[in-house]
Amino acid sequence: AFIEPGSPWENGYNESFNGKLRDELLNREIFYNLKEAKVLIENWRKEYNTVRPHSSLGYRPPAPAAIQPLTFEPFWFTSDRNNTPQFLT
């Protein structure tokens, strides 16, 4: 669907997100370079999706499963004093 320029009421969901991004991050930070901006915006996005409560979701984050610790079997190795690989089991 096409949204007419200058008609933010036609897409309230995106406009709400844009307002939150602007109010909670962009208006509060001074970015000294592009890399810093990318890092801070990505950190904000992760918090927005995994930690920040959303009223439309019963004050829960949209992706709480993303913050659950991963479980896996250890397979990495370390080395002893002689730098001999020792596989963890």
PDB file of N, CA and C in Angstrom:
ATOM      1  N   ALA A   1       0.843  -1.178   0.000  1.00  0.00           N
ATOM      2  CA  ALA A   1       0.000   0.000   0.000  1.00  0.00           C
ATOM      3  C   ALA A   1       0.883   1.234   0.000  1.00  0.00           C
ATOM      4  N   PHE A   2       0.497   2.197  -0.789  1.00  0.00           N
ATOM      5  CA  PHE A   2       1.250   3.441  -0.888  1.00  0.00           C
ATOM      6  C   PHE A   2       0.727   4.439   0.133  1.00  0.00           C
ATOM      7  N   ILE A   3       1.643   5.088   0.823  1.00  0.00           N
ATOM      8  CA  ILE A   3       1.273   6.114   1.799  1.00  0.00           C
ATOM      9  C   ILE A   3       1.699   7.461   1.237  1.00  0.00           C
ATOM     10  N   GLU A   4       0.762   8.364   1.157  1.00  0.00           N
ATOM     11  CA  GLU A   4       1.039   9.693   0.633  1.00  0.00           C
ATOM     12  C   GLU A   4       2.062  10.411   1.504  1.00  0.00           C
ATOM     13  N   PRO A   5       3.045  11.081   0.896  1.00  0.00           N
ATOM     14  CA  PRO A   5       3.968  11.900   1.681  1.00  0.00           C
ATOM     15  C   PRO A   5       3.194  12.962   2.463  1.00  0.00           C
ATOM     16  N   GLY A   6       3.617  13.202   3.693  1.00  0.00           N
ATOM     17  CA  GLY A   6       2.938  14.185   4.533  1.00  0.00           C
ATOM     18  C   GLY A   6       1.663  13.661   5.156  1.00  0.00           C
ATOM     19  N   SER A   7       1.464  12.335   5.142  1.00  0.00           N
ATOM     20  CA  SER A   7       0.265  11.726   5.711  1.00  0.00           C
ATOM     21  C   SER A   7       0.639  10.665   6.745  1.00  0.00           C
ATOM     22  N   PRO A   8       1.272  11.057   7.866  1.00  0.00           N
ATOM     23  CA  PRO A   8       1.729  10.064   8.842  1.00  0.00           C
ATOM     24  C   PRO A   8       0.594   9.279   9.490  1.00  0.00           C
ATOM     25  N   TRP A   9      -0.615   9.822   9.510  1.00  0.00           N
ATOM     26  CA  TRP A   9      -1.745   9.132  10.125  1.00  0.00           C
ATOM     27  C   TRP A   9      -2.134   7.874   9.354  1.00  0.00           C
ATOM     28  N   GLU A  10      -1.637   7.726   8.127  1.00  0.00           N
ATOM     29  CA  GLU A  10      -1.945   6.546   7.333  1.00  0.00           C
ATOM     30  C   GLU A  10      -1.137   5.321   7.764  1.00  0.00           C
ATOM     31  N   ASN A  11      -0.093   5.527   8.554  1.00  0.00           N
ATOM     32  CA  ASN A  11       0.722   4.407   9.010  1.00  0.00           C
ATOM     33  C   ASN A  11       1.154   4.666  10.446  1.00  0.00           C
ATOM     34  N   GLY A  12       0.205   4.594  11.356  1.00  0.00           N
ATOM     35  CA  GLY A  12       0.451   4.906  12.755  1.00  0.00           C
ATOM     36  C   GLY A  12       1.485   4.019  13.414  1.00  0.00           C
ATOM     37  N   TYR A  13       1.548   2.733  13.035  1.00  0.00           N
ATOM     38  CA  TYR A  13       2.497   1.810  13.651  1.00  0.00           C
ATOM     39  C   TYR A  13       3.930   2.278  13.425  1.00  0.00           C
ATOM     40  N   ASN A  14       4.279   2.551  12.169  1.00  0.00           N
ATOM     41  CA  ASN A  14       5.642   3.002  11.870  1.00  0.00           C
ATOM     42  C   ASN A  14       5.920   4.372  12.454  1.00  0.00           C
ATOM     43  N   GLU A  15       4.948   5.251  12.419  1.00  0.00           N
ATOM     44  CA  GLU A  15       5.149   6.585  12.977  1.00  0.00           C
ATOM     45  C   GLU A  15       5.367   6.514  14.482  1.00  0.00           C
ATOM     46  N   SER A  16       4.694   5.599  15.157  1.00  0.00           N
ATOM     47  CA  SER A  16       4.893   5.412  16.593  1.00  0.00           C
ATOM     48  C   SER A  16       6.317   4.943  16.873  1.00  0.00           C
ATOM     49  N   PHE A  17       6.783   3.962  16.101  1.00  0.00           N
ATOM     50  CA  PHE A  17       8.156   3.471  16.258  1.00  0.00           C
ATOM     51  C   PHE A  17       9.155   4.591  15.996  1.00  0.00           C
ATOM     52  N   ASN A  18       8.954   5.330  14.910  1.00  0.00           N
ATOM     53  CA  ASN A  18       9.873   6.420  14.575  1.00  0.00           C
ATOM     54  C   ASN A  18       9.921   7.456  15.689  1.00  0.00           C
ATOM     55  N   GLY A  19       8.776   7.757  16.288  1.00  0.00           N
ATOM     56  CA  GLY A  19       8.732   8.716  17.389  1.00  0.00           C
ATOM     57  C   GLY A  19       9.487   8.223  18.608  1.00  0.00           C
ATOM     58  N   LYS A  20       9.341   6.944  18.917  1.00  0.00           N
ATOM     59  CA  LYS A  20      10.064   6.375  20.065  1.00  0.00           C
ATOM     60  C   LYS A  20      11.566   6.393  19.820  1.00  0.00           C
ATOM     61  N   LEU A  21      11.990   6.010  18.620  1.00  0.00           N
ATOM     62  CA  LEU A  21      13.410   6.040  18.271  1.00  0.00           C
ATOM     63  C   LEU A  21      13.955   7.461  18.408  1.00  0.00           C
ATOM     64  N   ARG A  22      13.226   8.414  17.901  1.00  0.00           N
ATOM     65  CA  ARG A  22      13.653   9.810  17.973  1.00  0.00           C
ATOM     66  C   ARG A  22      13.707  10.304  19.415  1.00  0.00           C
ATOM     67  N   ASP A  23      12.630  10.051  20.194  1.00  0.00           N
ATOM     68  CA  ASP A  23      12.554  10.568  21.563  1.00  0.00           C
ATOM     69  C   ASP A  23      13.500   9.860  22.523  1.00  0.00           C
ATOM     70  N   GLU A  24      13.650   8.546  22.381  1.00  0.00           N
ATOM     71  CA  GLU A  24      14.435   7.767  23.339  1.00  0.00           C
ATOM     72  C   GLU A  24      15.914   7.687  22.993  1.00  0.00           C
ATOM     73  N   LEU A  25      16.286   7.992  21.754  1.00  0.00           N
ATOM     74  CA  LEU A  25      17.696   7.865  21.375  1.00  0.00           C
ATOM     75  C   LEU A  25      18.214   9.072  20.603  1.00  0.00           C
ATOM     76  N   LEU A  26      17.647   9.336  19.449  1.00  0.00           N
ATOM     77  CA  LEU A  26      18.238  10.318  18.541  1.00  0.00           C
ATOM     78  C   LEU A  26      18.296  11.724  19.127  1.00  0.00           C
ATOM     79  N   ASN A  27      17.279  12.132  19.871  1.00  0.00           N
ATOM     80  CA  ASN A  27      17.281  13.474  20.460  1.00  0.00           C
ATOM     81  C   ASN A  27      18.136  13.567  21.716  1.00  0.00           C
ATOM     82  N   ARG A  28      18.643  12.439  22.205  1.00  0.00           N
ATOM     83  CA  ARG A  28      19.423  12.422  23.452  1.00  0.00           C
ATOM     84  C   ARG A  28      20.910  12.195  23.229  1.00  0.00           C
ATOM     85  N   GLU A  29      21.310  11.883  22.030  1.00  0.00           N
ATOM     86  CA  GLU A  29      22.704  11.530  21.751  1.00  0.00           C
ATOM     87  C   GLU A  29      23.307  12.466  20.719  1.00  0.00           C
ATOM     88  N   ILE A  30      24.614  12.627  20.825  1.00  0.00           N
ATOM     89  CA  ILE A  30      25.393  13.282  19.778  1.00  0.00           C
ATOM     90  C   ILE A  30      26.298  12.201  19.209  1.00  0.00           C
ATOM     91  N   PHE A  31      26.153  11.936  17.939  1.00  0.00           N
ATOM     92  CA  PHE A  31      26.960  10.917  17.282  1.00  0.00           C
ATOM     93  C   PHE A  31      28.159  11.602  16.642  1.00  0.00           C
ATOM     94  N   TYR A  32      29.356  11.135  16.980  1.00  0.00           N
ATOM     95  CA  TYR A  32      30.568  11.745  16.456  1.00  0.00           C
ATOM     96  C   TYR A  32      31.041  11.101  15.158  1.00  0.00           C
ATOM     97  N   ASN A  33      30.534   9.916  14.864  1.00  0.00           N
ATOM     98  CA  ASN A  33      30.855   9.284  13.586  1.00  0.00           C
ATOM     99  C   ASN A  33      29.785   8.239  13.281  1.00  0.00           C
ATOM    100  N   LEU A  34      29.812   7.727  12.071  1.00  0.00           N
ATOM    101  CA  LEU A  34      28.796   6.778  11.625  1.00  0.00           C
ATOM    102  C   LEU A  34      28.861   5.472  12.408  1.00  0.00           C
ATOM    103  N   LYS A  35      30.066   5.002  12.707  1.00  0.00           N
ATOM    104  CA  LYS A  35      30.206   3.751  13.449  1.00  0.00           C
ATOM    105  C   LYS A  35      29.559   3.862  14.825  1.00  0.00           C
ATOM    106  N   GLU A  36      29.795   4.971  15.515  1.00  0.00           N
ATOM    107  CA  GLU A  36      29.182   5.170  16.831  1.00  0.00           C
ATOM    108  C   GLU A  36      27.659   5.175  16.717  1.00  0.00           C
ATOM    109  N   ALA A  37      27.135   5.836  15.713  1.00  0.00           N
ATOM    110  CA  ALA A  37      25.686   5.874  15.509  1.00  0.00           C
ATOM    111  C   ALA A  37      25.140   4.470  15.283  1.00  0.00           C
ATOM    112  N   LYS A  38      25.812   3.679  14.460  1.00  0.00           N
ATOM    113  CA  LYS A  38      25.350   2.315  14.182  1.00  0.00           C
ATOM    114  C   LYS A  38      25.333   1.466  15.447  1.00  0.00           C
ATOM    115  N   VAL A  39      26.386   1.581  16.269  1.00  0.00           N
ATOM    116  CA  VAL A  39      26.466   0.789  17.497  1.00  0.00           C
ATOM    117  C   VAL A  39      25.360   1.189  18.467  1.00  0.00           C
ATOM    118  N   LEU A  40      25.171   2.482  18.683  1.00  0.00           N
ATOM    119  CA  LEU A  40      24.152   2.937  19.637  1.00  0.00           C
ATOM    120  C   LEU A  40      22.741   2.613  19.157  1.00  0.00           C
ATOM    121  N   ILE A  41      22.497   2.753  17.874  1.00  0.00           N
ATOM    122  CA  ILE A  41      21.169   2.426  17.339  1.00  0.00           C
ATOM    123  C   ILE A  41      20.905   0.929  17.454  1.00  0.00           C
ATOM    124  N   GLU A  42      21.898   0.099  17.173  1.00  0.00           N
ATOM    125  CA  GLU A  42      21.728  -1.351  17.305  1.00  0.00           C
ATOM    126  C   GLU A  42      21.479  -1.740  18.760  1.00  0.00           C
ATOM    127  N   ASN A  43      22.201  -1.119  19.696  1.00  0.00           N
ATOM    128  CA  ASN A  43      21.962  -1.389  21.118  1.00  0.00           C
ATOM    129  C   ASN A  43      20.543  -1.000  21.511  1.00  0.00           C
ATOM    130  N   TRP A  44      20.068   0.144  21.020  1.00  0.00           N
ATOM    131  CA  TRP A  44      18.704   0.584  21.327  1.00  0.00           C
ATOM    132  C   TRP A  44      17.693  -0.403  20.734  1.00  0.00           C
ATOM    133  N   ARG A  45      17.937  -0.841  19.499  1.00  0.00           N
ATOM    134  CA  ARG A  45      17.019  -1.783  18.845  1.00  0.00           C
ATOM    135  C   ARG A  45      16.920  -3.086  19.627  1.00  0.00           C
ATOM    136  N   LYS A  46      18.063  -3.596  20.086  1.00  0.00           N
ATOM    137  CA  LYS A  46      18.047  -4.841  20.866  1.00  0.00           C
ATOM    138  C   LYS A  46      17.269  -4.656  22.162  1.00  0.00           C
ATOM    139  N   GLU A  47      17.498  -3.544  22.848  1.00  0.00           N
ATOM    140  CA  GLU A  47      16.757  -3.294  24.089  1.00  0.00           C
ATOM    141  C   GLU A  47      15.264  -3.140  23.804  1.00  0.00           C
ATOM    142  N   TYR A  48      14.919  -2.424  22.746  1.00  0.00           N
ATOM    143  CA  TYR A  48      13.521  -2.199  22.371  1.00  0.00           C
ATOM    144  C   TYR A  48      12.801  -3.526  22.123  1.00  0.00           C
ATOM    145  N   ASN A  49      13.484  -4.471  21.499  1.00  0.00           N
ATOM    146  CA  ASN A  49      12.850  -5.740  21.140  1.00  0.00           C
ATOM    147  C   ASN A  49      12.938  -6.823  22.200  1.00  0.00           C
ATOM    148  N   THR A  50      13.886  -6.742  23.134  1.00  0.00           N
ATOM    149  CA  THR A  50      14.073  -7.839  24.081  1.00  0.00           C
ATOM    150  C   THR A  50      13.858  -7.469  25.539  1.00  0.00           C
ATOM    151  N   VAL A  51      13.920  -6.190  25.880  1.00  0.00           N
ATOM    152  CA  VAL A  51      13.822  -5.782  27.280  1.00  0.00           C
ATOM    153  C   VAL A  51      12.648  -4.843  27.526  1.00  0.00           C
ATOM    154  N   ARG A  52      12.501  -3.843  26.684  1.00  0.00           N
ATOM    155  CA  ARG A  52      11.523  -2.779  26.891  1.00  0.00           C
ATOM    156  C   ARG A  52      10.094  -3.329  26.834  1.00  0.00           C
ATOM    157  N   PRO A  53       9.287  -3.043  27.872  1.00  0.00           N
ATOM    158  CA  PRO A  53       7.896  -3.506  27.839  1.00  0.00           C
ATOM    159  C   PRO A  53       7.063  -2.720  26.823  1.00  0.00           C
ATOM    160  N   HIS A  54       6.139  -3.403  26.184  1.00  0.00           N
ATOM    161  CA  HIS A  54       5.240  -2.790  25.202  1.00  0.00           C
ATOM    162  C   HIS A  54       3.810  -2.948  25.715  1.00  0.00           C
ATOM    163  N   SER A  55       3.098  -1.842  25.820  1.00  0.00           N
ATOM    164  CA  SER A  55       1.741  -1.885  26.374  1.00  0.00           C
ATOM    165  C   SER A  55       0.819  -2.773  25.545  1.00  0.00           C
ATOM    166  N   SER A  56       1.003  -2.796  24.231  1.00  0.00           N
ATOM    167  CA  SER A  56       0.130  -3.607  23.373  1.00  0.00           C
ATOM    168  C   SER A  56       0.356  -5.102  23.565  1.00  0.00           C
ATOM    169  N   LEU A  57       1.435  -5.476  24.239  1.00  0.00           N
ATOM    170  CA  LEU A  57       1.744  -6.889  24.490  1.00  0.00           C
ATOM    171  C   LEU A  57       1.611  -7.231  25.966  1.00  0.00           C
ATOM    172  N   GLY A  58       0.788  -6.472  26.679  1.00  0.00           N
ATOM    173  CA  GLY A  58       0.618  -6.726  28.105  1.00  0.00           C
ATOM    174  C   GLY A  58       1.864  -6.376  28.906  1.00  0.00           C
ATOM    175  N   TYR A  59       2.553  -5.343  28.469  1.00  0.00           N
ATOM    176  CA  TYR A  59       3.780  -4.857  29.121  1.00  0.00           C
ATOM    177  C   TYR A  59       4.875  -5.918  29.165  1.00  0.00           C
ATOM    178  N   ARG A  60       4.971  -6.661  28.061  1.00  0.00           N
ATOM    179  CA  ARG A  60       6.059  -7.623  27.883  1.00  0.00           C
ATOM    180  C   ARG A  60       6.871  -7.193  26.668  1.00  0.00           C
ATOM    181  N   PRO A  61       8.130  -7.591  26.595  1.00  0.00           N
ATOM    182  CA  PRO A  61       8.911  -7.283  25.392  1.00  0.00           C
ATOM    183  C   PRO A  61       8.462  -8.171  24.234  1.00  0.00           C
ATOM    184  N   PRO A  62       8.607  -7.704  22.986  1.00  0.00           N
ATOM    185  CA  PRO A  62       8.156  -8.489  21.846  1.00  0.00           C
ATOM    186  C   PRO A  62       8.948  -9.768  21.613  1.00  0.00           C
ATOM    187  N   ALA A  63      10.210  -9.806  21.979  1.00  0.00           N
ATOM    188  CA  ALA A  63      11.034 -10.990  21.696  1.00  0.00           C
ATOM    189  C   ALA A  63      11.768 -11.451  22.945  1.00  0.00           C
ATOM    190  N   PRO A  64      11.039 -11.820  24.015  1.00  0.00           N
ATOM    191  CA  PRO A  64      11.747 -12.214  25.239  1.00  0.00           C
ATOM    192  C   PRO A  64      12.586 -13.468  25.056  1.00  0.00           C
ATOM    193  N   ALA A  65      12.223 -14.321  24.108  1.00  0.00           N
ATOM    194  CA  ALA A  65      13.001 -15.541  23.887  1.00  0.00           C
ATOM    195  C   ALA A  65      14.408 -15.216  23.409  1.00  0.00           C
ATOM    196  N   ALA A  66      14.571 -14.061  22.805  1.00  0.00           N
ATOM    197  CA  ALA A  66      15.890 -13.682  22.299  1.00  0.00           C
ATOM    198  C   ALA A  66      16.882 -13.411  23.414  1.00  0.00           C
ATOM    199  N   ILE A  67      16.404 -13.201  24.635  1.00  0.00           N
ATOM    200  CA  ILE A  67      17.326 -12.920  25.733  1.00  0.00           C
ATOM    201  C   ILE A  67      17.588 -14.146  26.591  1.00  0.00           C
ATOM    202  N   GLN A  68      16.995 -15.279  26.232  1.00  0.00           N
ATOM    203  CA  GLN A  68      17.237 -16.507  26.971  1.00  0.00           C
ATOM    204  C   GLN A  68      18.646 -16.998  26.666  1.00  0.00           C
ATOM    205  N   PRO A  69      19.348 -17.498  27.677  1.00  0.00           N
ATOM    206  CA  PRO A  69      20.700 -17.994  27.395  1.00  0.00           C
ATOM    207  C   PRO A  69      20.654 -19.220  26.487  1.00  0.00           C
ATOM    208  N   LEU A  70      21.622 -19.306  25.617  1.00  0.00           N
ATOM    209  CA  LEU A  70      21.708 -20.455  24.719  1.00  0.00           C
ATOM    210  C   LEU A  70      22.296 -21.637  25.471  1.00  0.00           C
ATOM    211  N   THR A  71      21.806 -22.807  25.180  1.00  0.00           N
ATOM    212  CA  THR A  71      22.369 -24.008  25.785  1.00  0.00           C
ATOM    213  C   THR A  71      23.003 -24.831  24.677  1.00  0.00           C
ATOM    214  N   PHE A  72      24.183 -25.306  24.935  1.00  0.00           N
ATOM    215  CA  PHE A  72      24.877 -26.123  23.958  1.00  0.00           C
ATOM    216  C   PHE A  72      25.905 -26.971  24.683  1.00  0.00           C
ATOM    217  N   GLU A  73      26.337 -27.999  24.004  1.00  0.00           N
ATOM    218  CA  GLU A  73      27.372 -28.867  24.547  1.00  0.00           C
ATOM    219  C   GLU A  73      28.730 -28.231  24.271  1.00  0.00           C
ATOM    220  N   PRO A  74      29.600 -28.173  25.280  1.00  0.00           N
ATOM    221  CA  PRO A  74      30.919 -27.586  25.033  1.00  0.00           C
ATOM    222  C   PRO A  74      31.726 -28.445  24.066  1.00  0.00           C
ATOM    223  N   PHE A  75      32.383 -27.797  23.142  1.00  0.00           N
ATOM    224  CA  PHE A  75      33.196 -28.516  22.176  1.00  0.00           C
ATOM    225  C   PHE A  75      34.519 -27.805  21.925  1.00  0.00           C
ATOM    226  N   TRP A  76      34.695 -26.669  22.533  1.00  0.00           N
ATOM    227  CA  TRP A  76      35.902 -25.882  22.337  1.00  0.00           C
ATOM    228  C   TRP A  76      37.056 -26.537  23.054  1.00  0.00           C
ATOM    229  N   PHE A  77      38.234 -26.121  22.784  1.00  0.00           N
ATOM    230  CA  PHE A  77      39.373 -26.707  23.472  1.00  0.00           C
ATOM    231  C   PHE A  77      40.227 -25.628  24.112  1.00  0.00           C
ATOM    232  N   THR A  78      40.991 -26.031  25.057  1.00  0.00           N
ATOM    233  CA  THR A  78      41.969 -25.174  25.705  1.00  0.00           C
ATOM    234  C   THR A  78      43.308 -25.892  25.598  1.00  0.00           C
ATOM    235  N   SER A  79      44.327 -25.301  26.082  1.00  0.00           N
ATOM    236  CA  SER A  79      45.626 -25.967  26.000  1.00  0.00           C
ATOM    237  C   SER A  79      46.274 -26.029  27.371  1.00  0.00           C
ATOM    238  N   ASP A  80      47.140 -26.996  27.531  1.00  0.00           N
ATOM    239  CA  ASP A  80      47.865 -27.123  28.793  1.00  0.00           C
ATOM    240  C   ASP A  80      49.113 -26.235  28.744  1.00  0.00           C
ATOM    241  N   ARG A  81      49.996 -26.405  29.686  1.00  0.00           N
ATOM    242  CA  ARG A  81      51.204 -25.573  29.758  1.00  0.00           C
ATOM    243  C   ARG A  81      52.080 -25.686  28.516  1.00  0.00           C
ATOM    244  N   ASN A  82      52.012 -26.804  27.839  1.00  0.00           N
ATOM    245  CA  ASN A  82      52.826 -27.024  26.645  1.00  0.00           C
ATOM    246  C   ASN A  82      52.092 -26.632  25.367  1.00  0.00           C
ATOM    247  N   ASN A  83      50.961 -25.951  25.526  1.00  0.00           N
ATOM    248  CA  ASN A  83      50.124 -25.544  24.394  1.00  0.00           C
ATOM    249  C   ASN A  83      49.617 -26.727  23.583  1.00  0.00           C
ATOM    250  N   THR A  84      49.397 -27.839  24.257  1.00  0.00           N
ATOM    251  CA  THR A  84      48.812 -29.007  23.618  1.00  0.00           C
ATOM    252  C   THR A  84      47.293 -28.892  23.711  1.00  0.00           C
ATOM    253  N   PRO A  85      46.576 -28.975  22.595  1.00  0.00           N
ATOM    254  CA  PRO A  85      45.114 -28.847  22.656  1.00  0.00           C
ATOM    255  C   PRO A  85      44.486 -29.914  23.542  1.00  0.00           C
ATOM    256  N   GLN A  86      43.541 -29.508  24.351  1.00  0.00           N
ATOM    257  CA  GLN A  86      42.786 -30.415  25.214  1.00  0.00           C
ATOM    258  C   GLN A  86      41.307 -30.158  24.937  1.00  0.00           C
ATOM    259  N   PHE A  87      40.635 -31.108  24.335  1.00  0.00           N
ATOM    260  CA  PHE A  87      39.222 -30.932  24.033  1.00  0.00           C
ATOM    261  C   PHE A  87      38.401 -31.091  25.300  1.00  0.00           C
ATOM    262  N   LEU A  88      37.436 -30.207  25.477  1.00  0.00           N
ATOM    263  CA  LEU A  88      36.545 -30.288  26.628  1.00  0.00           C
ATOM    264  C   LEU A  88      35.461 -31.305  26.344  1.00  0.00           C
ATOM    265  N   THR A  89      35.093 -32.081  27.348  1.00  0.00           N
ATOM    266  CA  THR A  89      34.028 -33.071  27.159  1.00  0.00           C
ATOM    267  C   THR A  89      32.958 -32.882  28.202  1.00  0.00           C
TER     268      THR A  89
END
